[in-house]
Amino acid sequence: MSELSKRIITAVIFLPVLVCLATIGRIYYVILVEIGIILGTYEFFKILEARGLQPYKKLGILAGVLLGLVCYYKSYIFTMFVLTCLILVLSVSELTRKKVEHAIYHMSGTVFGMLYVSWLFSHLILLREIPKFLHYRFDYDMGISFSLLPFLIAWINDTFAYFGGRRYGRNPLFPRVSPKKTWEGAITGALSVLITLFLIKWISGCGSGQELSLKFLTSFYHLFRYYLTWYDCVILGIFGPLLAVVGDLVESLLKRDASLKDASKIIPGHGGILDRFDSILFVAPFVYYYLRFVVLQR
């Protein structure tokens, strides 16, 4: 079976699960994100081990899971508590090692891995819970579209950049990190996202919300009809793909430093969690803060 066939089958299986759990929300969606945090953090620590470092895997994964939970419960004091405990326990644990070499690398690698995967991933939880955080100013179902918007941007960009790069790619984008990525592919992906957002915005302005029966479709309808302006679509369509590419390149940099092709083989056709969600890690925070500080403050 070709890699493309594996990717398609994986997407057909995963997308309904994602949409279903995002629609339900609450702790069920949190569990999905937490699974991503656990697997992604573990992959990151395996990358560090391939580089010769010795991160505290169990401690880093535990802190990552707790960080996701405190985001769900909107507990800022416990966010600071988790980070403080992680630093203190790491420092004491490092004192117990027999060898003192590379102590800084072991501790900093653990902290960065937890933040890189868990904190960035946790923005998907924050997006889904925006209606609750804003004291139910919005219907809870609106959180469906908030949480799925990063996936829409990142995966439309990744898909069309892949095909655009294969068809038109000539000029390498960042050869010292990812030789196969091209400017043509990146431009194709960005234009595809922009066109998709414009198309959804246009369609949402042509019909009536009463015609939509599925919750997630109704949620997108309201997001694009009442909250996202054409200007917002331009901003999301420009900076979303840009950050998706940056996220992809950062993960490629980590793997190249450790001489690895994939973070793992857990997802057929895609590699590991970090290979599939590297762009999401950077797009989700941007979408969250843009919605909170710009769109939902009007």
Protein backbone atom coordinates (compact mmCIF):
# COMPACT_ATOMS: atom_id res chain seq x y z
CA MET A 1 0.00 0.00 0.00
CA SER A 2 1.36 3.42 -0.95
CA GLU A 3 2.04 6.10 1.65
CA LEU A 4 -0.69 8.27 0.11
CA SER A 5 -3.24 5.44 0.49
CA LYS A 6 -2.26 5.01 4.13
CA ARG A 7 -2.67 8.74 4.71
CA ILE A 8 -6.14 8.75 3.17
CA ILE A 9 -7.30 5.74 5.21
CA THR A 10 -5.94 7.26 8.42
CA ALA A 11 -7.73 10.55 7.69
CA VAL A 12 -11.02 8.78 6.95
CA ILE A 13 -10.81 7.05 10.34
CA PHE A 14 -9.55 9.95 12.44
CA LEU A 15 -11.59 12.89 11.10
CA PRO A 16 -15.02 11.56 12.16
CA VAL A 17 -13.61 10.82 15.62
CA LEU A 18 -12.18 14.35 15.87
CA VAL A 19 -15.42 16.00 14.73
CA CYS A 20 -17.54 13.81 17.00
CA LEU A 21 -15.48 14.49 20.14
CA ALA A 22 -15.16 18.19 19.32
CA THR A 23 -18.94 18.32 18.97
CA ILE A 24 -19.46 16.64 22.35
CA GLY A 25 -16.69 18.70 23.95
CA ARG A 26 -16.07 18.72 27.68
CA ILE A 27 -13.91 15.98 29.20
CA TYR A 28 -14.35 13.70 26.16
CA TYR A 29 -12.53 16.14 23.90
CA VAL A 30 -9.98 16.76 26.63
CA ILE A 31 -9.17 13.04 26.72
CA LEU A 32 -8.47 13.08 22.97
CA VAL A 33 -6.09 16.03 23.34
CA GLU A 34 -4.46 14.45 26.40
CA ILE A 35 -3.74 11.29 24.39
CA GLY A 36 -1.99 13.51 21.85
CA ILE A 37 -0.04 15.19 24.66
CA ILE A 38 1.08 11.87 26.16
CA LEU A 39 2.17 10.35 22.86
CA GLY A 40 3.68 13.57 21.51
CA THR A 41 5.69 14.25 24.67
CA TYR A 42 6.93 10.68 24.71
CA GLU A 43 8.05 11.03 21.07
CA PHE A 44 9.86 14.25 21.87
CA PHE A 45 11.75 12.62 24.74
CA LYS A 46 12.68 9.71 22.47
CA ILE A 47 14.15 12.28 20.07
CA LEU A 48 16.22 13.66 22.94
CA GLU A 49 17.38 10.15 23.83
CA ALA A 50 18.40 9.55 20.22
CA ARG A 51 20.51 12.68 20.60
CA GLY A 52 22.22 11.19 23.65
CA LEU A 53 20.29 13.07 26.37
CA GLN A 54 18.46 11.61 29.33
CA PRO A 55 15.20 13.51 29.90
CA TYR A 56 12.83 12.72 32.75
CA LYS A 57 10.12 11.11 30.62
CA LYS A 58 7.60 10.16 33.31
CA LEU A 59 7.86 13.49 35.10
CA GLY A 60 7.60 15.47 31.86
CA ILE A 61 4.59 13.50 30.63
CA LEU A 62 2.84 13.80 34.02
CA ALA A 63 3.40 17.57 34.07
CA GLY A 64 2.12 17.80 30.49
CA VAL A 65 -1.10 15.95 31.31
CA LEU A 66 -1.67 18.12 34.37
CA LEU A 67 -1.09 21.25 32.31
CA GLY A 68 -3.78 20.15 29.88
CA LEU A 69 -6.21 19.54 32.74
CA VAL A 70 -5.63 22.92 34.38
CA CYS A 71 -6.31 24.56 31.02
CA TYR A 72 -9.65 22.76 30.88
CA TYR A 73 -10.56 23.83 34.40
CA LYS A 74 -9.28 27.37 33.80
CA SER A 75 -7.06 27.22 36.85
CA TYR A 76 -4.28 29.73 36.32
CA ILE A 77 -2.93 29.32 39.84
CA PHE A 78 -2.51 25.57 39.28
CA THR A 79 -0.80 26.26 35.95
CA MET A 80 1.88 28.15 37.83
CA PHE A 81 1.88 25.44 40.51
CA VAL A 82 2.53 22.66 37.96
CA LEU A 83 5.38 24.57 36.31
CA THR A 84 6.94 25.46 39.67
CA CYS A 85 6.76 21.87 40.93
CA LEU A 86 8.26 20.58 37.67
CA ILE A 87 11.30 22.86 37.99
CA LEU A 88 11.80 22.08 41.68
CA VAL A 89 11.44 18.30 41.29
CA LEU A 90 13.69 18.30 38.22
CA SER A 91 16.37 20.20 40.07
CA VAL A 92 16.29 17.84 43.06
CA SER A 93 16.16 14.76 40.82
CA GLU A 94 19.21 15.90 38.89
CA LEU A 95 21.14 16.14 42.15
CA THR A 96 20.63 12.39 42.63
CA ARG A 97 22.33 11.44 39.35
CA LYS A 98 25.74 9.87 39.74
CA LYS A 99 27.07 11.70 36.69
CA VAL A 100 26.97 15.48 36.62
CA GLU A 101 27.68 15.84 32.90
CA HIS A 102 24.97 17.48 30.79
CA ALA A 103 22.75 18.28 33.79
CA ILE A 104 21.58 21.50 32.12
CA TYR A 105 20.63 19.64 28.95
CA HIS A 106 18.68 16.94 30.81
CA MET A 107 16.63 19.45 32.79
CA SER A 108 16.09 22.03 30.05
CA GLY A 109 15.22 19.33 27.52
CA THR A 110 12.53 17.96 29.84
CA VAL A 111 11.01 21.40 30.45
CA PHE A 112 11.11 22.41 26.79
CA GLY A 113 9.60 19.10 25.70
CA MET A 114 6.73 19.49 28.12
CA LEU A 115 6.06 23.07 27.02
CA TYR A 116 6.59 22.47 23.31
CA VAL A 117 4.10 19.60 23.18
CA SER A 118 1.76 19.98 26.13
CA TRP A 119 1.40 23.74 26.38
CA LEU A 120 0.97 24.27 22.66
CA PHE A 121 -1.37 21.27 22.36
CA SER A 122 -3.43 22.55 25.30
CA HIS A 123 -4.56 25.51 23.22
CA LEU A 124 -6.92 23.09 21.47
CA ILE A 125 -8.62 22.63 24.85
CA LEU A 126 -8.66 26.38 25.45
CA LEU A 127 -10.28 26.91 22.04
CA ARG A 128 -13.04 24.38 22.72
CA GLU A 129 -13.79 25.94 26.10
CA ILE A 130 -13.86 29.59 24.99
CA PRO A 131 -17.66 29.87 25.53
CA LYS A 132 -17.25 28.66 29.11
CA PHE A 133 -14.28 30.94 29.76
CA LEU A 134 -16.27 33.94 28.54
CA HIS A 135 -19.03 33.14 31.04
CA TYR A 136 -21.30 31.61 28.41
CA ARG A 137 -21.39 34.77 26.34
CA PHE A 138 -21.54 32.32 23.44
CA ASP A 139 -23.41 29.05 23.12
CA TYR A 140 -21.18 26.13 24.10
CA ASP A 141 -21.58 24.65 20.62
CA MET A 142 -19.64 27.59 19.18
CA GLY A 143 -16.56 26.01 20.72
CA ILE A 144 -16.81 23.31 18.03
CA SER A 145 -15.82 25.73 15.30
CA PHE A 146 -13.20 27.41 17.49
CA SER A 147 -11.45 24.09 18.13
CA LEU A 148 -11.70 22.78 14.56
CA LEU A 149 -10.49 25.98 12.87
CA PRO A 150 -6.76 25.25 13.48
CA PHE A 151 -7.19 21.78 11.96
CA LEU A 152 -8.91 23.27 8.93
CA ILE A 153 -6.13 25.80 8.36
CA ALA A 154 -3.20 23.49 9.06
CA TRP A 155 -4.42 20.44 7.17
CA ILE A 156 -5.69 22.31 4.11
CA ASN A 157 -2.27 23.97 3.99
CA ASP A 158 -0.36 20.69 4.48
CA THR A 159 -2.43 18.80 1.91
CA PHE A 160 -2.20 21.31 -0.91
CA ALA A 161 1.42 22.16 -0.11
CA TYR A 162 2.22 18.46 -0.49
CA PHE A 163 0.54 18.14 -3.88
CA GLY A 164 1.65 21.59 -5.03
CA GLY A 165 5.24 20.80 -4.10
CA ARG A 166 5.17 17.48 -5.95
CA ARG A 167 3.66 19.02 -9.06
CA TYR A 168 5.33 22.43 -9.27
CA GLY A 169 8.17 22.31 -6.72
CA ARG A 170 11.47 23.65 -8.05
CA ASN A 171 12.93 26.03 -5.46
CA PRO A 172 13.79 24.66 -1.98
CA LEU A 173 12.21 26.56 0.89
CA PHE A 174 14.63 25.67 3.70
CA PRO A 175 17.06 23.06 2.33
CA ARG A 176 19.31 22.76 5.39
CA VAL A 177 16.32 21.65 7.50
CA SER A 178 13.82 20.11 5.07
CA PRO A 179 15.18 19.62 1.53
CA LYS A 180 11.84 18.43 0.07
CA LYS A 181 9.83 21.53 0.98
CA THR A 182 9.60 24.11 -1.78
CA TRP A 183 8.43 27.68 -2.18
CA GLU A 184 5.91 26.53 -4.77
CA GLY A 185 4.39 24.06 -2.32
CA ALA A 186 4.24 26.64 0.48
CA ILE A 187 2.56 29.21 -1.77
CA THR A 188 0.08 26.62 -3.06
CA GLY A 189 -0.83 25.66 0.50
CA ALA A 190 -1.27 29.27 1.65
CA LEU A 191 -3.44 30.19 -1.35
CA SER A 192 -5.57 27.09 -0.78
CA VAL A 193 -6.23 28.08 2.84
CA LEU A 194 -7.10 31.64 1.82
CA ILE A 195 -9.48 30.41 -0.89
CA THR A 196 -11.07 27.90 1.49
CA LEU A 197 -11.72 30.54 4.16
CA PHE A 198 -13.15 32.94 1.58
CA LEU A 199 -15.34 30.18 0.18
CA ILE A 200 -16.74 29.25 3.59
CA LYS A 201 -17.32 32.93 4.38
CA TRP A 202 -19.15 33.42 1.08
CA ILE A 203 -21.29 30.31 1.52
CA SER A 204 -22.21 31.29 5.07
CA GLY A 205 -23.52 34.60 3.74
CA CYS A 206 -25.77 32.94 1.16
CA GLY A 207 -27.91 30.64 3.28
CA SER A 208 -29.82 30.52 6.51
CA GLY A 209 -28.49 28.97 9.67
CA GLN A 210 -31.84 27.24 10.12
CA GLU A 211 -31.05 25.08 7.08
CA LEU A 212 -28.12 23.42 8.86
CA SER A 213 -28.89 20.43 11.03
CA LEU A 214 -25.48 19.17 12.21
CA LYS A 215 -24.04 20.99 15.20
CA PHE A 216 -20.53 21.40 13.82
CA LEU A 217 -21.86 22.78 10.51
CA THR A 218 -24.11 25.23 12.35
CA SER A 219 -21.15 26.24 14.50
CA PHE A 220 -19.02 27.03 11.45
CA TYR A 221 -21.92 28.87 9.89
CA HIS A 222 -22.21 31.20 12.88
CA LEU A 223 -18.43 31.62 13.16
CA PHE A 224 -18.01 32.80 9.59
CA ARG A 225 -21.32 34.66 9.28
CA TYR A 226 -21.38 36.59 12.53
CA TYR A 227 -17.84 36.65 13.93
CA LEU A 228 -15.19 36.35 11.25
CA THR A 229 -15.05 39.25 8.81
CA TRP A 230 -13.40 39.17 5.39
CA TYR A 231 -10.45 40.90 7.03
CA ASP A 232 -10.23 38.11 9.63
CA CYS A 233 -10.18 35.54 6.83
CA VAL A 234 -7.24 37.37 5.26
CA ILE A 235 -5.30 37.46 8.55
CA LEU A 236 -6.00 33.80 9.31
CA GLY A 237 -5.29 32.85 5.70
CA ILE A 238 -1.88 34.53 5.73
CA PHE A 239 -0.47 33.93 9.19
CA GLY A 240 -2.09 30.51 9.71
CA PRO A 241 -0.23 28.83 6.81
CA LEU A 242 2.95 30.72 7.70
CA LEU A 243 2.91 29.34 11.24
CA ALA A 244 1.97 25.89 9.92
CA VAL A 245 5.15 25.89 7.83
CA VAL A 246 7.22 27.15 10.77
CA GLY A 247 5.83 24.41 13.00
CA ASP A 248 6.65 21.81 10.36
CA LEU A 249 10.19 23.14 9.97
CA VAL A 250 10.82 23.23 13.72
CA GLU A 251 9.86 19.58 14.08
CA SER A 252 12.02 18.72 11.05
CA LEU A 253 14.91 20.55 12.71
CA LEU A 254 14.53 18.46 15.86
CA LYS A 255 14.48 15.21 13.90
CA ARG A 256 17.43 16.22 11.74
CA ASP A 257 19.46 17.08 14.83
CA ALA A 258 18.79 13.54 16.12
CA SER A 259 19.25 11.95 12.65
CA LEU A 260 15.67 10.63 12.59
CA LYS A 261 13.27 10.43 9.67
CA ASP A 262 10.06 10.19 11.72
CA ALA A 263 9.25 10.86 15.37
CA SER A 264 7.64 7.38 15.48
CA LYS A 265 5.55 5.00 13.36
CA ILE A 266 2.34 5.17 15.37
CA ILE A 267 0.21 6.74 12.58
CA PRO A 268 0.26 4.78 9.28
CA GLY A 269 1.39 7.00 6.42
CA HIS A 270 2.17 9.94 8.68
CA GLY A 271 4.82 8.77 11.15
CA GLY A 272 4.28 9.97 14.68
CA ILE A 273 2.01 12.38 16.53
CA LEU A 274 4.58 15.15 16.14
CA ASP A 275 4.90 14.42 12.41
CA ARG A 276 1.15 14.83 11.93
CA PHE A 277 0.41 17.62 14.40
CA ASP A 278 3.60 19.70 14.16
CA SER A 279 1.80 22.45 12.25
CA ILE A 280 -1.20 22.31 14.63
CA LEU A 281 1.13 23.06 17.55
CA PHE A 282 1.88 26.48 16.09
CA VAL A 283 -1.46 27.27 14.43
CA ALA A 284 -3.69 26.53 17.46
CA PRO A 285 -2.13 29.18 19.76
CA PHE A 286 -2.32 31.80 17.00
CA VAL A 287 -6.00 31.06 16.33
CA TYR A 288 -6.79 31.09 20.05
CA TYR A 289 -5.18 34.44 20.81
CA TYR A 290 -6.50 36.04 17.63
CA LEU A 291 -10.03 34.98 18.50
CA ARG A 292 -9.73 36.04 22.15
CA PHE A 293 -7.95 39.38 21.65
CA VAL A 294 -9.44 40.50 18.33
CA VAL A 295 -12.51 38.69 17.02
CA LEU A 296 -14.41 38.05 20.25
CA GLN A 297 -13.67 41.49 21.73
CA ARG A 298 -15.79 43.33 19.18
